[in-house]
């Protein structure tokens, strides 16, 4: 794997870019944002997973680890302003209410352009996931979007005759799914290539676990410990703690590593090689599971009767890293065990450091910037945290806030906006190989603009800029990058 050169970057998902009629997409705003990053001295753009998760949905709850969300397609590349206006998009309405309109727009694009699309090479290259994904999507759509576990039995169990009959009957719908993947891939490739031309690296994300209701699990069930007539099956979660007496049932299926090892972890390595086609750096969400993971019987009502299991870290990471050039970054927040540290060090994988986690007490030193080593990627907070301003506004303790100000060597009477500025400077000064700032923190926005509240399902992943960030910010951040050697 390649090393990460000292740099700084911004976390902003595609959907948070400005757009006239819906959440952000693969539009010209991506190019404008790349230009803004370059002029501001940033050399990394971190995004959330591009996966197909449905309109406005959670990018960590994917229908496929390989497919791009078709709702990220910029329809203005294909349709006129009059055609787009005819669908009546209304940004004031809930996202889900606009999905039917976008589906109709994508239908129109397929009708007008699919016959002339040069798709043969794309379909062949991606057939290892595209065929089953397209089939899965259409079966779901024809059965009220139920989980594959509730498909008609023959389709659920992948009976060859039943699948062939279904393919023949719904050939057009299946072809449309593939066409939209071709379009989405081309649009993203153009954006990625533009970023490369400006010296900007794209920092992507691969979750450790996959969603139970996904084309991945339906098409290749041998890779997971699923419930059958003779086995209980196992699912992921975390045990009871001081925040939740029952623990958490995530519902993701647990990998069957014995089965995966038979083909040298081909499924898992293919997830990462696919990610490398789309991005330049790969963050592994929930990296700690490579060391130890919590396994719960699939029929459990709570997470109380789960157990910790030693992860497949060494073998699995050896298989993954042997296929990659792109650097891997570990999201190693939470229970950082000695096994996790050893794995990071052995495979030269940087971990995350969050300034929001510092200043809480005796065990917070590792998160203070003067302790961030070259094997660290530093943040104020990630997409799962409150904004930094929101955290400061709601801190609830003058003692806590003053500890932060004293560490930053700033007058106690200065306000929270100044704390944000000084905290960012401390990040630039640190030894972390890379620092990432959320756009919300650059704009000094409050809690109402956070991206996600973990453990909740409503009103997440919806924050969006009304306009591109001011060019007046550029010189300030470019000077920081120059001063502290992050260009």
Protein backbone atom coordinates (compact mmCIF):
# COMPACT_ATOMS: atom_id res chain seq x y z
CA UNK A 1 0.00 0.00 0.00
CA UNK A 2 1.10 3.57 -0.64
CA UNK A 3 1.90 6.01 2.17
CA UNK A 4 -0.17 9.10 2.94
CA UNK A 5 1.62 12.40 2.39
CA UNK A 6 1.06 15.04 5.06
CA UNK A 7 -2.09 16.93 4.06
CA UNK A 8 -5.46 18.30 5.12
CA UNK A 9 -8.95 17.68 3.81
CA UNK A 10 -12.68 18.24 4.14
CA UNK A 11 -15.48 15.79 4.92
CA UNK A 12 -18.54 16.55 2.81
CA UNK A 13 -20.79 13.88 1.33
CA UNK A 14 -22.08 14.20 -2.23
CA UNK A 15 -25.67 14.69 -1.02
CA UNK A 16 -24.59 17.77 0.97
CA UNK A 17 -23.58 19.71 -2.14
CA UNK A 18 -25.96 22.44 -3.35
CA UNK A 19 -28.64 21.45 -5.83
CA UNK A 20 -31.66 23.32 -7.12
CA UNK A 21 -34.22 20.53 -6.88
CA UNK A 22 -32.95 17.78 -4.53
CA UNK A 23 -29.99 16.60 -2.46
CA UNK A 24 -26.54 16.92 -4.02
CA UNK A 25 -25.53 14.62 -6.87
CA UNK A 26 -22.79 14.07 -9.44
CA UNK A 27 -23.31 17.53 -10.89
CA UNK A 28 -20.99 20.38 -11.86
CA UNK A 29 -21.07 21.40 -8.19
CA UNK A 30 -18.62 18.53 -7.57
CA UNK A 31 -16.13 20.19 -9.92
CA UNK A 32 -16.70 23.57 -8.29
CA UNK A 33 -16.13 22.07 -4.86
CA UNK A 34 -12.90 20.41 -6.03
CA UNK A 35 -11.71 23.81 -7.25
CA UNK A 36 -12.59 25.33 -3.87
CA UNK A 37 -10.67 22.58 -2.07
CA UNK A 38 -7.59 23.14 -4.20
CA UNK A 39 -7.62 26.90 -3.73
CA UNK A 40 -8.03 26.40 0.04
CA UNK A 41 -4.93 24.23 0.30
CA UNK A 42 -6.90 21.06 0.95
CA UNK A 43 -5.68 17.96 -0.85
CA UNK A 44 -8.26 15.41 0.31
CA UNK A 45 -12.02 15.20 -0.13
CA UNK A 46 -13.62 12.69 2.22
CA UNK A 47 -17.03 11.37 1.23
CA UNK A 48 -19.37 8.78 2.73
CA UNK A 49 -20.07 5.49 0.90
CA UNK A 50 -21.47 5.96 -2.61
CA UNK A 51 -23.49 2.76 -2.29
CA UNK A 52 -27.09 2.17 -3.33
CA UNK A 53 -29.00 2.86 -0.12
CA UNK A 54 -32.13 4.46 -1.51
CA UNK A 55 -32.97 8.14 -1.80
CA UNK A 56 -31.75 10.09 1.22
CA UNK A 57 -31.00 6.86 3.03
CA UNK A 58 -28.21 5.76 5.30
CA UNK A 59 -25.02 5.11 3.29
CA UNK A 60 -24.11 2.40 5.79
CA UNK A 61 -27.26 0.40 5.01
CA UNK A 62 -26.59 -0.66 1.46
CA UNK A 63 -28.43 -2.88 -1.00
CA UNK A 64 -25.00 -3.71 -2.44
CA UNK A 65 -21.37 -3.18 -1.48
CA UNK A 66 -20.52 -2.66 -5.15
CA UNK A 67 -23.31 -0.62 -6.74
CA UNK A 68 -23.44 3.19 -6.79
CA UNK A 69 -26.62 4.88 -5.60
CA UNK A 70 -28.51 5.68 -8.84
CA UNK A 71 -30.12 8.66 -7.11
CA UNK A 72 -26.71 10.36 -7.21
CA UNK A 73 -26.96 10.57 -11.01
CA UNK A 74 -27.06 14.13 -12.32
CA UNK A 75 -30.16 14.03 -14.50
CA UNK A 76 -29.38 17.48 -15.93
CA UNK A 77 -26.70 15.84 -18.10
CA UNK A 78 -29.48 14.10 -20.04
CA UNK A 79 -32.66 16.13 -19.57
CA UNK A 80 -33.48 19.72 -20.45
CA UNK A 81 -34.52 22.28 -17.86
CA UNK A 82 -38.08 22.01 -19.17
CA UNK A 83 -38.10 18.23 -18.81
CA UNK A 84 -36.76 18.44 -15.25
CA UNK A 85 -39.32 21.10 -14.34
CA UNK A 86 -42.11 18.85 -15.61
CA UNK A 87 -41.51 16.43 -12.73
CA UNK A 88 -42.30 19.11 -10.16
CA UNK A 89 -39.43 18.57 -7.74
CA UNK A 90 -40.01 20.35 -4.43
CA UNK A 91 -37.09 20.61 -1.98
CA UNK A 92 -39.43 21.68 0.81
CA UNK A 93 -41.01 18.21 0.82
CA UNK A 94 -39.64 15.15 2.64
CA UNK A 95 -36.99 13.33 0.64
CA UNK A 96 -38.98 10.11 0.33
CA UNK A 97 -41.89 11.97 -1.28
CA UNK A 98 -39.61 13.05 -4.13
CA UNK A 99 -38.32 9.56 -4.91
CA UNK A 100 -41.12 8.70 -7.33
CA UNK A 101 -40.37 11.85 -9.31
CA UNK A 102 -36.72 10.97 -9.56
CA UNK A 103 -37.58 7.42 -10.60
CA UNK A 104 -39.68 8.83 -13.46
CA UNK A 105 -36.81 11.04 -14.52
CA UNK A 106 -34.45 8.05 -14.55
CA UNK A 107 -37.03 6.09 -16.56
CA UNK A 108 -37.07 8.85 -19.14
CA UNK A 109 -33.27 8.85 -19.34
CA UNK A 110 -33.29 5.09 -19.88
CA UNK A 111 -35.92 5.35 -22.62
CA UNK A 112 -34.00 8.10 -24.44
CA UNK A 113 -30.40 6.95 -24.11
CA UNK A 114 -30.03 3.28 -23.17
CA UNK A 115 -30.14 1.93 -26.70
CA UNK A 116 -27.14 4.02 -27.73
CA UNK A 117 -25.02 3.48 -24.60
CA UNK A 118 -21.68 1.65 -25.15
CA UNK A 119 -22.18 -0.65 -22.19
CA UNK A 120 -20.71 -3.97 -23.29
CA UNK A 121 -17.31 -3.51 -21.66
CA UNK A 122 -18.82 -2.12 -18.45
CA UNK A 123 -21.30 -4.99 -18.11
CA UNK A 124 -18.59 -7.57 -18.72
CA UNK A 125 -16.09 -6.05 -16.28
CA UNK A 126 -18.66 -5.77 -13.50
CA UNK A 127 -20.65 -8.93 -14.13
CA UNK A 128 -19.30 -10.52 -10.94
CA UNK A 129 -21.66 -8.26 -8.95
CA UNK A 130 -23.83 -6.44 -11.48
CA UNK A 131 -25.93 -9.38 -12.69
CA UNK A 132 -27.05 -10.49 -9.24
CA UNK A 133 -27.51 -6.92 -8.03
CA UNK A 134 -29.80 -6.04 -10.95
CA UNK A 135 -31.81 -9.22 -10.45
CA UNK A 136 -32.11 -8.59 -6.71
CA UNK A 137 -33.28 -5.00 -7.25
CA UNK A 138 -36.02 -5.98 -9.67
CA UNK A 139 -37.23 -8.91 -7.56
CA UNK A 140 -37.53 -6.50 -4.61
CA UNK A 141 -39.42 -3.94 -6.69
CA UNK A 142 -41.88 -6.60 -7.92
CA UNK A 143 -42.52 -7.84 -4.38
CA UNK A 144 -43.22 -4.60 -2.53
CA UNK A 145 -39.54 -4.07 -1.60
CA UNK A 146 -39.52 -6.83 1.02
CA UNK A 147 -36.25 -8.32 2.26
CA UNK A 148 -34.82 -11.15 0.13
CA UNK A 149 -35.66 -13.45 3.05
CA UNK A 150 -39.32 -12.82 2.20
CA UNK A 151 -38.99 -13.40 -1.55
CA UNK A 152 -41.06 -16.26 -2.97
CA UNK A 153 -39.26 -19.43 -1.87
CA UNK A 154 -37.82 -20.37 -5.26
CA UNK A 155 -36.47 -16.87 -5.82
CA UNK A 156 -35.25 -16.61 -2.23
CA UNK A 157 -33.36 -19.89 -2.60
CA UNK A 158 -32.10 -18.99 -6.08
CA UNK A 159 -33.75 -21.84 -7.97
CA UNK A 160 -32.14 -21.72 -11.42
CA UNK A 161 -35.34 -22.30 -13.38
CA UNK A 162 -37.25 -19.66 -11.39
CA UNK A 163 -34.45 -17.09 -11.82
CA UNK A 164 -34.25 -17.74 -15.57
CA UNK A 165 -38.00 -17.27 -15.93
CA UNK A 166 -37.84 -14.05 -13.93
CA UNK A 167 -34.95 -12.70 -16.02
CA UNK A 168 -36.86 -13.38 -19.21
CA UNK A 169 -40.06 -11.80 -17.94
CA UNK A 170 -38.43 -8.64 -16.59
CA UNK A 171 -35.52 -8.24 -18.99
CA UNK A 172 -36.21 -4.55 -19.56
CA UNK A 173 -36.32 -3.69 -15.86
CA UNK A 174 -33.10 -5.62 -15.21
CA UNK A 175 -31.42 -3.88 -18.13
CA UNK A 176 -32.47 -0.51 -16.71
CA UNK A 177 -30.75 -1.23 -13.39
CA UNK A 178 -27.55 -2.07 -15.25
CA UNK A 179 -27.81 1.01 -17.46
CA UNK A 180 -28.16 3.31 -14.43
CA UNK A 181 -25.05 1.76 -12.90
CA UNK A 182 -23.22 2.47 -16.15
CA UNK A 183 -24.34 6.09 -16.06
CA UNK A 184 -23.53 6.56 -12.37
CA UNK A 185 -20.08 5.01 -12.80
CA UNK A 186 -19.27 7.23 -15.77
CA UNK A 187 -20.36 10.39 -14.00
CA UNK A 188 -18.36 9.55 -10.89
CA UNK A 189 -15.32 8.57 -12.96
CA UNK A 190 -15.39 11.99 -14.60
CA UNK A 191 -15.49 13.68 -11.19
CA UNK A 192 -12.74 11.44 -9.83
CA UNK A 193 -10.54 12.14 -12.83
CA UNK A 194 -11.08 15.88 -12.42
CA UNK A 195 -10.06 15.60 -8.77
CA UNK A 196 -6.87 13.79 -9.83
CA UNK A 197 -6.10 16.54 -12.35
CA UNK A 198 -6.23 19.06 -9.48
CA UNK A 199 -4.17 16.94 -7.10
CA UNK A 200 -7.15 16.10 -4.86
CA UNK A 201 -7.43 12.59 -3.37
CA UNK A 202 -10.87 11.11 -2.76
CA UNK A 203 -11.21 9.48 0.66
CA UNK A 204 -13.93 6.82 0.69
CA UNK A 205 -15.40 4.36 3.14
CA UNK A 206 -15.95 0.59 3.35
CA UNK A 207 -18.02 -0.65 6.31
CA UNK A 208 -16.78 -3.84 7.96
CA UNK A 209 -20.26 -5.39 8.02
CA UNK A 210 -22.87 -5.55 5.26
CA UNK A 211 -26.63 -5.29 5.44
CA UNK A 212 -28.60 -8.52 5.81
CA UNK A 213 -31.04 -7.36 3.14
CA UNK A 214 -28.52 -6.95 0.35
CA UNK A 215 -27.65 -8.46 -2.98
CA UNK A 216 -24.34 -9.52 -1.41
CA UNK A 217 -25.95 -11.84 1.14
CA UNK A 218 -28.76 -13.08 -1.12
CA UNK A 219 -26.38 -13.98 -3.96
CA UNK A 220 -23.67 -15.62 -1.87
CA UNK A 221 -25.12 -16.82 1.46
CA UNK A 222 -22.23 -19.21 2.15
CA UNK A 223 -20.15 -16.22 3.28
CA UNK A 224 -22.33 -15.64 6.35
CA UNK A 225 -23.61 -17.54 9.38
CA UNK A 226 -27.28 -17.33 8.45
CA UNK A 227 -30.22 -18.92 10.24
CA UNK A 228 -31.38 -22.13 8.58
CA UNK A 229 -33.56 -25.09 9.51
CA UNK A 230 -30.58 -26.57 11.35
CA UNK A 231 -28.60 -23.49 12.54
CA UNK A 232 -29.56 -20.45 14.60
CA UNK A 233 -27.42 -17.97 12.69
CA UNK A 234 -25.46 -15.07 14.16
CA UNK A 235 -25.79 -11.29 13.94
CA UNK A 236 -23.64 -8.34 14.98
CA UNK A 237 -24.14 -5.82 17.75
CA UNK A 238 -22.55 -4.58 20.95
CA UNK A 239 -23.06 -5.80 24.54
CA UNK A 240 -24.93 -3.98 27.32
CA UNK A 241 -23.17 -0.93 28.73
CA UNK A 242 -23.91 2.10 30.85
CA UNK A 243 -25.86 3.66 27.98
CA UNK A 244 -28.01 0.66 27.04
CA UNK A 245 -28.84 -2.13 29.48
CA UNK A 246 -29.86 -4.45 26.63
CA UNK A 247 -26.93 -3.70 24.37
CA UNK A 248 -27.53 -3.10 20.66
CA UNK A 249 -28.76 -5.50 17.99
CA UNK A 250 -27.41 -4.23 14.67
CA UNK A 251 -28.76 -7.14 12.66
CA UNK A 252 -25.80 -7.43 10.27
CA UNK A 253 -24.97 -11.08 9.57
CA UNK A 254 -21.72 -12.44 10.95
CA UNK A 255 -19.16 -13.67 8.44
CA UNK A 256 -18.46 -17.38 8.10
CA UNK A 257 -14.69 -17.07 7.89
CA UNK A 258 -14.10 -20.80 7.50
CA UNK A 259 -16.17 -20.75 4.34
CA UNK A 260 -14.59 -17.50 3.11
CA UNK A 261 -11.09 -18.88 3.59
CA UNK A 262 -11.78 -21.64 1.06
CA UNK A 263 -11.58 -19.13 -1.81
CA UNK A 264 -9.00 -16.90 -0.07
CA UNK A 265 -11.58 -14.34 1.09
CA UNK A 266 -12.52 -13.49 -2.48
CA UNK A 267 -15.73 -11.72 -1.52
CA UNK A 268 -14.04 -9.43 0.97
CA UNK A 269 -11.06 -8.63 -1.26
CA UNK A 270 -13.43 -7.84 -4.13
CA UNK A 271 -15.22 -5.28 -1.94
CA UNK A 272 -11.95 -3.43 -1.46
CA UNK A 273 -10.72 -3.68 -5.03
CA UNK A 274 -14.08 -2.26 -6.13
CA UNK A 275 -13.64 0.58 -3.62
CA UNK A 276 -10.18 1.27 -5.01
CA UNK A 277 -11.73 1.84 -8.43
CA UNK A 278 -13.84 4.64 -6.94
CA UNK A 279 -11.57 6.35 -4.37
CA UNK A 280 -7.91 6.93 -3.47
CA UNK A 281 -7.98 6.34 0.30
CA UNK A 282 -10.18 3.72 2.00
CA UNK A 283 -11.50 4.12 5.53
CA UNK A 284 -12.64 0.87 7.16
CA UNK A 285 -15.67 1.57 9.33
CA UNK A 286 -15.70 -0.46 12.58
CA UNK A 287 -12.12 -1.63 12.11
CA UNK A 288 -12.10 -2.95 15.68
CA UNK A 289 -14.02 -6.03 14.48
CA UNK A 290 -10.85 -7.26 12.79
CA UNK A 291 -9.51 -7.78 16.29
CA UNK A 292 -12.63 -8.90 18.15
CA UNK A 293 -16.31 -8.83 17.25
CA UNK A 294 -19.50 -9.35 19.23
CA UNK A 295 -21.67 -12.21 17.96
CA UNK A 296 -25.31 -12.66 18.99
CA UNK A 297 -27.69 -15.56 18.20
CA UNK A 298 -29.91 -14.38 15.35
CA UNK A 299 -33.16 -15.08 17.20
CA UNK A 300 -32.20 -12.92 20.21
CA UNK A 301 -34.46 -10.12 21.40
CA UNK A 302 -31.56 -8.28 23.09
CA UNK A 303 -27.78 -8.33 22.84
CA UNK A 304 -27.35 -9.67 26.38
CA UNK A 305 -26.52 -13.25 25.42
CA UNK A 306 -23.89 -12.47 22.80
CA UNK A 307 -20.21 -13.30 23.04
CA UNK A 308 -16.89 -11.80 22.01
CA UNK A 309 -15.11 -13.70 19.25
CA UNK A 310 -11.53 -13.28 18.08
CA UNK A 311 -11.49 -11.64 14.67
CA UNK A 312 -9.91 -12.85 11.45
CA UNK A 313 -7.74 -9.75 11.35
CA UNK A 314 -4.31 -11.03 10.36
CA UNK A 315 -5.44 -13.44 7.63
CA UNK A 316 -8.15 -11.13 6.34
CA UNK A 317 -6.00 -8.00 6.23
CA UNK A 318 -3.20 -9.94 4.55
CA UNK A 319 -5.61 -10.96 1.81
CA UNK A 320 -7.02 -7.45 1.44
CA UNK A 321 -3.75 -5.50 1.48
CA UNK A 322 -2.12 -7.87 -1.01
CA UNK A 323 -4.67 -6.68 -3.59
CA UNK A 324 -4.48 -2.93 -2.88
CA UNK A 325 -2.30 0.07 -3.59
CA UNK A 326 -4.68 2.56 -1.96
CA UNK A 327 -3.85 3.42 1.67
CA UNK A 328 -6.25 2.08 4.32
CA UNK A 329 -7.34 4.13 7.34
CA UNK A 330 -8.85 2.42 10.37
CA UNK A 331 -11.95 3.80 12.08
CA UNK A 332 -10.73 2.40 15.38
CA UNK A 333 -12.91 4.38 17.76
CA UNK A 334 -14.58 2.62 20.67
CA UNK A 335 -13.03 -0.43 22.31
CA UNK A 336 -9.41 -0.24 21.16
CA UNK A 337 -7.96 -3.58 22.23
CA UNK A 338 -4.27 -4.57 22.05
CA UNK A 339 -5.21 -6.79 19.08
CA UNK A 340 -6.46 -3.77 17.16
CA UNK A 341 -3.30 -1.78 17.88
CA UNK A 342 -1.09 -4.69 16.79
CA UNK A 343 -3.02 -5.07 13.54
CA UNK A 344 -2.73 -1.37 12.72
CA UNK A 345 0.99 -1.37 13.43
CA UNK A 346 1.69 -4.58 11.52
CA UNK A 347 -0.11 -3.40 8.39
CA UNK A 348 0.94 0.26 8.71
CA UNK A 349 -2.66 1.46 8.95
CA UNK A 350 -3.31 4.90 10.52
CA UNK A 351 -6.08 5.23 13.10
CA UNK A 352 -8.47 8.06 13.96
CA UNK A 353 -8.04 10.73 16.61
CA UNK A 354 -10.99 13.00 17.52
CA UNK A 355 -10.47 16.27 19.36
CA UNK A 356 -14.05 16.05 20.63
CA UNK A 357 -12.97 13.04 22.69
CA UNK A 358 -10.23 14.95 24.49
CA UNK A 359 -10.56 16.97 27.73
CA UNK A 360 -13.08 14.66 29.39
CA UNK A 361 -10.85 13.29 32.13
CA UNK A 362 -7.83 11.15 32.89
CA UNK A 363 -8.18 8.82 29.88
CA UNK A 364 -8.41 11.46 27.16
CA UNK A 365 -4.73 12.19 26.54
CA UNK A 366 -4.50 10.03 23.41
CA UNK A 367 -6.98 12.36 21.69
CA UNK A 368 -5.07 15.60 22.41
CA UNK A 369 -3.29 16.82 19.26
CA UNK A 370 0.21 16.80 20.76
CA UNK A 371 -0.17 13.01 21.05
CA UNK A 372 -1.28 12.52 17.43
CA UNK A 373 1.48 10.63 15.67
CA UNK A 374 2.19 10.19 11.99
CA UNK A 375 0.02 7.07 12.13
CA UNK A 376 -3.04 9.21 12.91
CA UNK A 377 -5.79 10.91 10.94
CA UNK A 378 -7.12 13.78 13.05
CA UNK A 379 -10.66 15.19 13.25
CA UNK A 380 -12.62 17.62 15.35
CA UNK A 381 -15.46 15.15 14.87
CA UNK A 382 -16.81 12.86 12.16
CA UNK A 383 -20.21 12.53 10.47
CA UNK A 384 -21.45 10.61 13.54
CA UNK A 385 -20.59 13.39 16.01
CA UNK A 386 -22.28 16.64 16.84
CA UNK A 387 -20.73 19.59 15.04
CA UNK A 388 -17.86 21.13 16.98
CA UNK A 389 -19.87 24.30 17.60
CA UNK A 390 -22.83 22.19 18.70
CA UNK A 391 -20.59 20.31 21.11
CA UNK A 392 -19.18 23.54 22.54
CA UNK A 393 -22.59 25.20 22.84
CA UNK A 394 -23.98 22.20 24.71
CA UNK A 395 -20.95 21.34 26.79
CA UNK A 396 -22.74 22.16 30.05
CA UNK A 397 -19.60 22.70 32.15
CA UNK A 398 -17.43 25.81 32.40
CA UNK A 399 -14.67 23.64 33.83
CA UNK A 400 -14.73 21.40 30.77
CA UNK A 401 -14.80 24.33 28.36
CA UNK A 402 -11.99 26.12 30.19
CA UNK A 403 -9.82 22.99 30.04
CA UNK A 404 -10.12 23.18 26.26
CA UNK A 405 -9.26 26.91 26.21
CA UNK A 406 -6.28 26.48 28.51
CA UNK A 407 -4.92 23.67 26.36
CA UNK A 408 -5.27 25.89 23.29
CA UNK A 409 -3.52 28.74 25.16
CA UNK A 410 -6.33 31.19 24.49
CA UNK A 411 -8.01 33.77 26.76
CA UNK A 412 -10.91 32.29 28.71
CA UNK A 413 -13.20 35.14 27.68
CA UNK A 414 -12.99 34.28 23.98
CA UNK A 415 -16.12 32.75 22.50
CA UNK A 416 -16.80 29.36 20.92
CA UNK A 417 -16.09 30.50 17.36
CA UNK A 418 -12.55 31.34 18.47
CA UNK A 419 -12.29 27.92 20.13
CA UNK A 420 -13.11 26.33 16.77
CA UNK A 421 -10.41 28.39 15.03
CA UNK A 422 -7.77 27.55 17.63
CA UNK A 423 -8.73 23.87 17.64
CA UNK A 424 -8.31 23.69 13.88
CA UNK A 425 -4.89 25.35 14.15
CA UNK A 426 -3.89 22.75 16.76
CA UNK A 427 -4.88 20.03 14.29
CA UNK A 428 -2.75 21.60 11.53
CA UNK A 429 0.20 21.80 13.93
CA UNK A 430 -0.07 18.15 14.96
CA UNK A 431 2.01 15.30 13.56
CA UNK A 432 -1.05 13.52 12.14
CA UNK A 433 -0.39 12.46 8.56
CA UNK A 434 -3.78 13.83 7.58
CA UNK A 435 -6.38 16.03 9.22
CA UNK A 436 -10.01 16.17 8.11
CA UNK A 437 -12.48 18.94 8.93
CA UNK A 438 -16.21 18.58 8.31
CA UNK A 439 -17.70 21.35 6.19
CA UNK A 440 -20.10 22.09 9.07
CA UNK A 441 -17.12 22.87 11.30
CA UNK A 442 -15.47 25.05 8.66
CA UNK A 443 -18.74 27.01 8.45
CA UNK A 444 -19.10 26.99 12.27
CA UNK A 445 -22.60 25.51 12.17
CA UNK A 446 -24.57 24.23 15.16
CA UNK A 447 -26.21 20.96 16.15
CA UNK A 448 -29.11 21.43 13.74
CA UNK A 449 -26.65 20.83 10.90
CA UNK A 450 -25.10 17.57 12.07
CA UNK A 451 -25.13 14.71 9.58
CA UNK A 452 -26.14 11.76 11.73
CA UNK A 453 -27.22 10.85 15.25
CA UNK A 454 -26.21 7.21 15.80
CA UNK A 455 -28.99 4.99 17.09
CA UNK A 456 -31.72 7.05 15.42
CA UNK A 457 -33.40 6.53 12.06
CA UNK A 458 -35.20 9.82 11.41
CA UNK A 459 -33.87 13.04 9.87
CA UNK A 460 -30.32 11.84 9.29
CA UNK A 461 -28.10 12.19 6.19
CA UNK A 462 -30.07 15.24 5.05
CA UNK A 463 -27.83 18.24 5.74
CA UNK A 464 -27.15 20.23 2.60
CA UNK A 465 -25.39 23.49 1.80
CA UNK A 466 -27.58 26.14 0.17
CA UNK A 467 -24.61 27.46 -1.76
CA UNK A 468 -20.91 26.77 -2.27
CA UNK A 469 -18.63 27.95 0.55
CA UNK A 470 -17.28 31.47 0.25
CA UNK A 471 -14.10 32.04 -1.70
CA UNK A 472 -13.03 34.36 1.12
CA UNK A 473 -12.24 31.28 3.24
CA UNK A 474 -9.73 29.98 0.72
CA UNK A 475 -6.75 32.19 1.55
CA UNK A 476 -7.05 31.52 5.30
CA UNK A 477 -6.93 27.73 4.93
CA UNK A 478 -4.35 27.84 2.14
CA UNK A 479 -2.09 29.82 4.47
CA UNK A 480 -2.57 27.24 7.25
CA UNK A 481 -1.68 24.43 4.83
CA UNK A 482 1.45 26.27 3.69
CA UNK A 483 2.52 27.29 7.21
CA UNK A 484 2.20 23.79 8.65
CA UNK A 485 3.40 21.81 5.66
CA UNK A 486 0.15 20.23 4.53
CA UNK A 487 0.30 21.09 0.84
